[in-house]
Amino acid sequence: MRIPLFPLNIVLFPGQNLPLHIFELRYKAMLNRCLREQIPFGLVLVRESSRVSRGAPHSIGTFARVTAVEEIPEGRCAIPAPHNGNCYQISCFGEQRFRVT
């Protein structure tokens, strides 16, 4: 099974709810695909990273099912980040674990 991966510096456990703020273009595209195809994404913890690059993902992750989406118009987001267009505040629910191959 091929699913989009979202590498983060947090862990999502099965049965846990997690709010996320989506503002990067690639993750907005991932969110749109998950909603359109009604599929989960894989949330994986990244290994320790340096200031130059993001670390590689660990080999175990959790399927995250989007349960709520709030679209925030460009210029109205309270979170200081480099936004390009609208951003999204989402809630997701941890389903089962998976192995990255």
C-alpha atoms as a PDB file:
ATOM      1  CA  MET A   1       0.000   0.000   0.000  1.00  0.00           C
ATOM      2  CA  ARG A   2       1.353   3.435  -0.911  1.00  0.00           C
ATOM      3  CA  ILE A   3       0.243   6.367   1.229  1.00  0.00           C
ATOM      4  CA  PRO A   4       1.531   9.921   1.599  1.00  0.00           C
ATOM      5  CA  LEU A   5       3.910  10.362   4.531  1.00  0.00           C
ATOM      6  CA  PHE A   6       4.051  13.323   6.864  1.00  0.00           C
ATOM      7  CA  PRO A   7       7.372  13.278   8.770  1.00  0.00           C
ATOM      8  CA  LEU A   8       7.175  15.279  12.007  1.00  0.00           C
ATOM      9  CA  ASN A   9       9.018  15.562  15.299  1.00  0.00           C
ATOM     10  CA  ILE A  10       6.028  14.140  17.199  1.00  0.00           C
ATOM     11  CA  VAL A  11       4.507  10.688  17.603  1.00  0.00           C
ATOM     12  CA  LEU A  12       0.864   9.829  16.949  1.00  0.00           C
ATOM     13  CA  PHE A  13      -0.355   6.719  18.738  1.00  0.00           C
ATOM     14  CA  PRO A  14      -3.334   4.620  17.639  1.00  0.00           C
ATOM     15  CA  GLY A  15      -6.503   5.924  19.282  1.00  0.00           C
ATOM     16  CA  GLN A  16      -5.056   9.399  19.822  1.00  0.00           C
ATOM     17  CA  ASN A  17      -6.383  12.674  18.357  1.00  0.00           C
ATOM     18  CA  LEU A  18      -3.908  15.213  17.051  1.00  0.00           C
ATOM     19  CA  PRO A  19      -4.422  18.779  15.805  1.00  0.00           C
ATOM     20  CA  LEU A  20      -2.076  19.895  13.008  1.00  0.00           C
ATOM     21  CA  HIS A  21      -1.472  23.159  11.202  1.00  0.00           C
ATOM     22  CA  ILE A  22      -0.895  22.660   7.457  1.00  0.00           C
ATOM     23  CA  PHE A  23       0.749  25.521   5.556  1.00  0.00           C
ATOM     24  CA  GLU A  24       3.459  24.073   3.270  1.00  0.00           C
ATOM     25  CA  LEU A  25       2.404  23.520  -0.341  1.00  0.00           C
ATOM     26  CA  ARG A  26       3.407  19.838  -0.429  1.00  0.00           C
ATOM     27  CA  TYR A  27       1.394  19.056   2.701  1.00  0.00           C
ATOM     28  CA  LYS A  28      -1.599  21.031   1.453  1.00  0.00           C
ATOM     29  CA  ALA A  29      -1.455  18.829  -1.676  1.00  0.00           C
ATOM     30  CA  MET A  30      -1.232  15.750   0.586  1.00  0.00           C
ATOM     31  CA  LEU A  31      -4.263  16.933   2.564  1.00  0.00           C
ATOM     32  CA  ASN A  32      -6.269  17.527  -0.616  1.00  0.00           C
ATOM     33  CA  ARG A  33      -5.397  14.041  -1.894  1.00  0.00           C
ATOM     34  CA  CYS A  34      -6.369  12.391   1.393  1.00  0.00           C
ATOM     35  CA  LEU A  35      -9.714  14.206   1.442  1.00  0.00           C
ATOM     36  CA  ARG A  36     -10.430  13.575  -2.250  1.00  0.00           C
ATOM     37  CA  GLU A  37      -9.535   9.857  -2.121  1.00  0.00           C
ATOM     38  CA  GLN A  38     -10.752   9.366   1.470  1.00  0.00           C
ATOM     39  CA  ILE A  39      -7.442   7.811   2.524  1.00  0.00           C
ATOM     40  CA  PRO A  40      -5.296   8.316   5.622  1.00  0.00           C
ATOM     41  CA  PHE A  41      -1.771   9.689   5.567  1.00  0.00           C
ATOM     42  CA  GLY A  42       1.142   8.201   7.431  1.00  0.00           C
ATOM     43  CA  LEU A  43       2.596  10.202  10.284  1.00  0.00           C
ATOM     44  CA  VAL A  44       6.183   9.179  11.080  1.00  0.00           C
ATOM     45  CA  LEU A  45       8.636  10.496  13.624  1.00  0.00           C
ATOM     46  CA  VAL A  46      11.788  11.942  12.069  1.00  0.00           C
ATOM     47  CA  ARG A  47      15.169  10.966  13.401  1.00  0.00           C
ATOM     48  CA  GLU A  48      17.305  13.681  14.949  1.00  0.00           C
ATOM     49  CA  SER A  49      18.031  16.260  12.297  1.00  0.00           C
ATOM     50  CA  SER A  50      20.688  18.857  11.794  1.00  0.00           C
ATOM     51  CA  ARG A  51      20.193  22.542  11.077  1.00  0.00           C
ATOM     52  CA  VAL A  52      20.991  21.837   7.417  1.00  0.00           C
ATOM     53  CA  SER A  53      18.503  19.067   6.673  1.00  0.00           C
ATOM     54  CA  ARG A  54      15.563  17.213   8.118  1.00  0.00           C
ATOM     55  CA  GLY A  55      16.343  13.759   9.488  1.00  0.00           C
ATOM     56  CA  ALA A  56      15.172  10.514   7.899  1.00  0.00           C
ATOM     57  CA  PRO A  57      11.884   9.003   9.119  1.00  0.00           C
ATOM     58  CA  HIS A  58      11.783   6.128  11.588  1.00  0.00           C
ATOM     59  CA  SER A  59      10.560   2.802  10.214  1.00  0.00           C
ATOM     60  CA  ILE A  60       7.268   2.692  12.169  1.00  0.00           C
ATOM     61  CA  GLY A  61       4.456   5.214  11.803  1.00  0.00           C
ATOM     62  CA  THR A  62       0.725   5.533  12.400  1.00  0.00           C
ATOM     63  CA  PHE A  63      -2.070   5.949   9.876  1.00  0.00           C
ATOM     64  CA  ALA A  64      -3.729   9.332  10.514  1.00  0.00           C
ATOM     65  CA  ARG A  65      -7.325   9.834   9.396  1.00  0.00           C
ATOM     66  CA  VAL A  66      -8.436  13.460   8.898  1.00  0.00           C
ATOM     67  CA  THR A  67     -11.547  14.074  11.012  1.00  0.00           C
ATOM     68  CA  ALA A  68     -11.971  17.862  10.713  1.00  0.00           C
ATOM     69  CA  VAL A  69     -10.647  20.633   8.480  1.00  0.00           C
ATOM     70  CA  GLU A  70     -10.795  24.391   8.943  1.00  0.00           C
ATOM     71  CA  GLU A  71      -9.490  26.489   6.058  1.00  0.00           C
ATOM     72  CA  ILE A  72      -7.933  29.782   7.131  1.00  0.00           C
ATOM     73  CA  PRO A  73      -7.817  32.529   4.478  1.00  0.00           C
ATOM     74  CA  GLU A  74      -4.447  33.934   3.464  1.00  0.00           C
ATOM     75  CA  GLY A  75      -3.284  36.693   5.808  1.00  0.00           C
ATOM     76  CA  ARG A  76      -5.551  35.630   8.699  1.00  0.00           C
ATOM     77  CA  CYS A  77      -3.437  32.874  10.235  1.00  0.00           C
ATOM     78  CA  ALA A  78      -2.229  33.595  13.764  1.00  0.00           C
ATOM     79  CA  ILE A  79       0.683  31.153  13.487  1.00  0.00           C
ATOM     80  CA  PRO A  80       3.918  32.784  12.313  1.00  0.00           C
ATOM     81  CA  ALA A  81       5.129  30.629   9.429  1.00  0.00           C
ATOM     82  CA  PRO A  82       5.945  31.212   5.762  1.00  0.00           C
ATOM     83  CA  HIS A  83       2.478  30.784   4.259  1.00  0.00           C
ATOM     84  CA  ASN A  84       1.688  30.632   0.552  1.00  0.00           C
ATOM     85  CA  GLY A  85      -2.052  31.086   0.207  1.00  0.00           C
ATOM     86  CA  ASN A  86      -4.585  29.627   2.612  1.00  0.00           C
ATOM     87  CA  CYS A  87      -3.574  27.333   5.450  1.00  0.00           C
ATOM     88  CA  TYR A  88      -5.501  24.614   7.267  1.00  0.00           C
ATOM     89  CA  GLN A  89      -6.100  23.653  10.863  1.00  0.00           C
ATOM     90  CA  ILE A  90      -6.926  19.946  10.874  1.00  0.00           C
ATOM     91  CA  SER A  91      -7.717  17.256  13.405  1.00  0.00           C
ATOM     92  CA  CYS A  92      -6.661  13.705  12.753  1.00  0.00           C
ATOM     93  CA  PHE A  93      -7.158  10.394  14.518  1.00  0.00           C
ATOM     94  CA  GLY A  94      -4.471   7.744  14.897  1.00  0.00           C
ATOM     95  CA  GLU A  95      -5.542   4.414  13.445  1.00  0.00           C
ATOM     96  CA  GLN A  96      -3.168   1.453  13.200  1.00  0.00           C
ATOM     97  CA  ARG A  97       0.615   1.378  13.035  1.00  0.00           C
ATOM     98  CA  PHE A  98       2.495   0.589   9.832  1.00  0.00           C
ATOM     99  CA  ARG A  99       6.061  -0.137   8.746  1.00  0.00           C
ATOM    100  CA  VAL A 100       7.846   2.065   6.206  1.00  0.00           C
ATOM    101  CA  THR A 101       9.421  -0.070   3.481  1.00  0.00           C
END
